[in-house]
């Protein structure tokens, strides 16, 4: 029996769900702080701006609420999520454990070609740090972490990290604004790459774990200075 025969009469399978495209557009606006933390989301205005009805807009917001990026309040509407200090204290250690495991597995599996690719990304990190370009450093940093996930090849880790990163991305870039954090983050990446090149899973895992917690400490300093 093929898929068409198995489908009930009248069933239609959309090639691309509109609400998913809308959710991605809203994610990007939230990450760019075009929709800043705590902001009330004007569903009607956004729907008009996107040229869509309220239905896909509401479905998109439900997706983002499930991801923790917005909160839906009965009779009040939808707001961009704000992460408390307690949220950050709970999220970062989880991310540190997950990404530390990725580095552990990547160190055991990395080929010479994999290490060359990581080194090339690290060179980009070095150049952006030298230029004090936090935005481009952040993007290269994301590429480095994504490459490590590919090398580790653990789809369960990837799924959990991707889900957690959607929330943690609300603040990750901010930590790089702290004076001296770019250089500190770069030094941490050097330690991670050195451990990977040595094919030392334990050291790579610890270095990555400490790197994530260092990012949390930078955010705490940034918040205390405001």
Protein backbone atom coordinates (compact mmCIF):
# COMPACT_ATOMS: atom_id res chain seq x y z
CA UNK A 1 0.00 0.00 0.00
CA UNK A 2 1.44 3.37 -0.96
CA UNK A 3 0.99 6.65 0.91
CA UNK A 4 -1.81 7.83 -1.36
CA UNK A 5 -3.79 4.62 -0.84
CA UNK A 6 -3.26 4.83 2.94
CA UNK A 7 -4.49 8.42 3.23
CA UNK A 8 -8.19 8.92 4.05
CA UNK A 9 -10.33 10.43 1.32
CA UNK A 10 -10.12 14.21 1.26
CA UNK A 11 -6.79 14.34 3.10
CA UNK A 12 -4.40 17.01 1.87
CA UNK A 13 -0.72 17.17 2.87
CA UNK A 14 0.74 20.66 2.67
CA UNK A 15 4.18 20.95 1.09
CA UNK A 16 5.12 23.64 3.55
CA UNK A 17 3.06 24.79 6.50
CA UNK A 18 2.71 28.57 6.46
CA UNK A 19 2.76 28.82 10.25
CA UNK A 20 6.22 27.19 10.31
CA UNK A 21 7.58 29.88 7.98
CA UNK A 22 5.99 32.57 10.15
CA UNK A 23 7.46 30.98 13.29
CA UNK A 24 10.95 31.11 11.77
CA UNK A 25 10.54 34.78 10.80
CA UNK A 26 9.43 35.61 14.34
CA UNK A 27 12.35 33.61 15.80
CA UNK A 28 14.80 35.71 13.82
CA UNK A 29 13.16 38.94 14.98
CA UNK A 30 13.30 37.77 18.59
CA UNK A 31 16.96 36.75 18.35
CA UNK A 32 17.80 40.09 16.72
CA UNK A 33 15.89 41.84 19.53
CA UNK A 34 13.63 43.50 16.98
CA UNK A 35 11.06 41.97 19.32
CA UNK A 36 12.81 42.51 22.64
CA UNK A 37 12.29 40.50 25.86
CA UNK A 38 9.02 41.33 27.59
CA UNK A 39 7.55 43.00 24.51
CA UNK A 40 3.84 42.52 23.87
CA UNK A 41 3.32 40.94 20.46
CA UNK A 42 0.68 42.67 18.35
CA UNK A 43 -0.69 39.64 16.48
CA UNK A 44 -2.95 41.66 14.21
CA UNK A 45 -0.25 44.13 13.16
CA UNK A 46 2.23 41.35 12.47
CA UNK A 47 -0.35 39.36 10.49
CA UNK A 48 -1.07 42.40 8.35
CA UNK A 49 2.64 43.02 7.89
CA UNK A 50 3.21 39.43 6.75
CA UNK A 51 0.11 39.51 4.56
CA UNK A 52 -1.48 36.54 6.30
CA UNK A 53 -4.57 35.78 8.37
CA UNK A 54 -4.58 35.58 12.18
CA UNK A 55 -4.80 31.76 12.10
CA UNK A 56 -1.24 30.94 10.93
CA UNK A 57 0.04 33.75 13.17
CA UNK A 58 -1.59 32.16 16.21
CA UNK A 59 -0.29 28.71 15.25
CA UNK A 60 3.22 30.14 14.87
CA UNK A 61 3.02 31.71 18.32
CA UNK A 62 1.95 28.38 19.81
CA UNK A 63 5.10 26.82 18.34
CA UNK A 64 7.27 29.55 19.83
CA UNK A 65 5.51 29.19 23.18
CA UNK A 66 6.33 25.47 23.19
CA UNK A 67 9.98 26.39 22.54
CA UNK A 68 9.99 28.86 25.43
CA UNK A 69 10.55 31.93 23.24
CA UNK A 70 7.19 33.56 23.99
CA UNK A 71 4.59 33.21 26.70
CA UNK A 72 0.85 33.17 26.10
CA UNK A 73 -1.26 34.80 28.80
CA UNK A 74 -5.05 34.30 28.86
CA UNK A 75 -6.95 37.53 28.08
CA UNK A 76 -3.69 39.47 27.91
CA UNK A 77 -2.05 38.18 24.76
CA UNK A 78 1.45 37.06 23.86
CA UNK A 79 4.79 38.38 25.13
CA UNK A 80 8.40 37.73 24.18
CA UNK A 81 9.99 35.59 26.88
CA UNK A 82 12.25 37.10 29.51
CA UNK A 83 14.82 34.85 31.15
CA UNK A 84 15.31 35.34 34.87
CA UNK A 85 18.62 34.83 36.62
CA UNK A 86 17.23 31.57 37.97
CA UNK A 87 16.33 30.47 34.43
CA UNK A 88 19.90 31.14 33.32
CA UNK A 89 21.36 29.35 36.35
CA UNK A 90 19.28 26.30 35.43
CA UNK A 91 19.72 26.37 31.64
CA UNK A 92 23.47 26.93 31.31
CA UNK A 93 24.58 23.90 33.38
CA UNK A 94 22.29 21.71 31.28
CA UNK A 95 23.75 23.12 28.06
CA UNK A 96 27.27 22.70 29.48
CA UNK A 97 26.63 19.00 30.13
CA UNK A 98 25.17 18.45 26.65
CA UNK A 99 27.84 20.35 24.75
CA UNK A 100 30.56 18.87 26.92
CA UNK A 101 29.39 15.42 25.86
CA UNK A 102 29.43 16.52 22.22
CA UNK A 103 33.07 17.60 22.54
CA UNK A 104 33.87 14.30 24.31
CA UNK A 105 32.39 12.24 21.48
CA UNK A 106 33.83 14.47 18.75
CA UNK A 107 37.35 14.09 20.17
CA UNK A 108 37.01 10.32 19.90
CA UNK A 109 35.62 10.37 16.35
CA UNK A 110 37.24 13.32 14.59
CA UNK A 111 39.19 12.59 11.41
CA UNK A 112 42.08 14.66 10.13
CA UNK A 113 39.66 16.34 7.71
CA UNK A 114 37.29 17.14 10.58
CA UNK A 115 40.09 18.77 12.54
CA UNK A 116 41.08 20.84 9.51
CA UNK A 117 37.50 22.07 9.17
CA UNK A 118 37.37 23.02 12.85
CA UNK A 119 40.72 24.78 12.57
CA UNK A 120 39.41 26.80 9.61
CA UNK A 121 36.37 27.91 11.61
CA UNK A 122 38.64 28.74 14.54
CA UNK A 123 40.75 30.95 12.25
CA UNK A 124 37.58 32.90 11.46
CA UNK A 125 36.96 33.25 15.20
CA UNK A 126 40.47 34.59 15.62
CA UNK A 127 39.97 37.23 12.91
CA UNK A 128 36.63 38.42 14.28
CA UNK A 129 38.04 38.59 17.81
CA UNK A 130 40.96 40.66 16.52
CA UNK A 131 38.47 43.03 14.89
CA UNK A 132 36.38 43.08 18.09
CA UNK A 133 33.35 42.11 16.00
CA UNK A 134 31.02 40.41 18.49
CA UNK A 135 28.24 39.73 15.98
CA UNK A 136 30.44 37.90 13.48
CA UNK A 137 32.30 36.15 16.29
CA UNK A 138 28.94 34.88 17.57
CA UNK A 139 28.02 33.48 14.14
CA UNK A 140 31.41 31.76 13.74
CA UNK A 141 31.07 30.39 17.27
CA UNK A 142 27.71 28.88 16.32
CA UNK A 143 29.33 27.31 13.24
CA UNK A 144 32.07 25.78 15.40
CA UNK A 145 29.57 24.23 17.82
CA UNK A 146 27.41 22.96 14.95
CA UNK A 147 30.44 21.37 13.28
CA UNK A 148 31.28 19.58 16.52
CA UNK A 149 27.75 18.20 16.68
CA UNK A 150 28.10 16.84 13.14
CA UNK A 151 31.40 15.18 14.03
CA UNK A 152 29.96 13.66 17.20
CA UNK A 153 27.10 12.27 15.11
CA UNK A 154 24.77 11.77 18.07
CA UNK A 155 21.29 12.73 16.88
CA UNK A 156 19.83 12.61 20.39
CA UNK A 157 22.37 15.09 21.68
CA UNK A 158 21.77 17.30 18.65
CA UNK A 159 18.02 17.33 19.21
CA UNK A 160 18.35 18.25 22.89
CA UNK A 161 20.95 20.93 22.19
CA UNK A 162 18.92 22.45 19.36
CA UNK A 163 15.85 22.66 21.61
CA UNK A 164 17.82 24.21 24.47
CA UNK A 165 19.73 26.58 22.21
CA UNK A 166 16.51 28.14 20.96
CA UNK A 167 16.02 29.55 24.43
CA UNK A 168 19.63 30.21 25.33
CA UNK A 169 20.15 32.18 22.10
CA UNK A 170 18.04 34.90 23.68
CA UNK A 171 21.12 35.85 25.71
CA UNK A 172 24.23 34.12 24.34
CA UNK A 173 25.24 37.05 22.15
CA UNK A 174 24.90 39.48 25.08
CA UNK A 175 27.73 37.84 27.03
CA UNK A 176 30.15 38.81 24.28
CA UNK A 177 29.45 42.49 25.02
CA UNK A 178 31.25 42.22 28.35
CA UNK A 179 34.64 43.88 28.23
CA UNK A 180 37.29 41.21 27.69
CA UNK A 181 34.80 38.38 27.03
CA UNK A 182 35.72 38.03 23.34
CA UNK A 183 39.36 37.36 24.20
CA UNK A 184 38.37 35.04 27.03
CA UNK A 185 35.98 33.09 24.79
CA UNK A 186 38.66 32.82 22.12
CA UNK A 187 41.16 31.44 24.66
CA UNK A 188 38.57 28.87 25.71
CA UNK A 189 38.07 27.84 22.09
CA UNK A 190 41.81 27.43 21.69
CA UNK A 191 41.80 25.03 24.65
CA UNK A 192 38.90 23.06 23.15
CA UNK A 193 40.62 22.79 19.77
CA UNK A 194 43.90 21.75 21.41
CA UNK A 195 42.13 18.94 23.29
CA UNK A 196 40.39 17.82 20.10
CA UNK A 197 43.69 17.75 18.21
CA UNK A 198 45.18 15.68 21.04
CA UNK A 199 42.19 13.33 20.70
CA UNK A 200 41.62 13.62 24.43
CA UNK A 201 37.85 13.17 25.01
CA UNK A 202 37.98 13.90 28.74
CA UNK A 203 39.93 17.12 28.31
CA UNK A 204 37.78 18.24 25.36
CA UNK A 205 34.60 17.58 27.34
CA UNK A 206 35.83 19.51 30.36
CA UNK A 207 37.04 22.42 28.24
CA UNK A 208 33.68 22.72 26.50
CA UNK A 209 31.76 22.34 29.77
CA UNK A 210 33.83 25.10 31.38
CA UNK A 211 33.42 27.28 28.26
CA UNK A 212 29.62 27.23 28.60
CA UNK A 213 29.72 28.01 32.31
CA UNK A 214 32.16 30.81 31.63
CA UNK A 215 29.56 32.30 29.29
CA UNK A 216 27.02 32.21 32.11
CA UNK A 217 29.47 33.95 34.45
CA UNK A 218 30.01 36.67 31.84
CA UNK A 219 26.26 37.24 31.60
CA UNK A 220 26.01 37.51 35.38
CA UNK A 221 28.75 40.17 35.41
CA UNK A 222 27.03 42.03 32.58
CA UNK A 223 23.71 42.01 34.44
CA UNK A 224 25.29 43.15 37.71
CA UNK A 225 26.95 46.08 35.94
CA UNK A 226 23.67 47.41 34.55
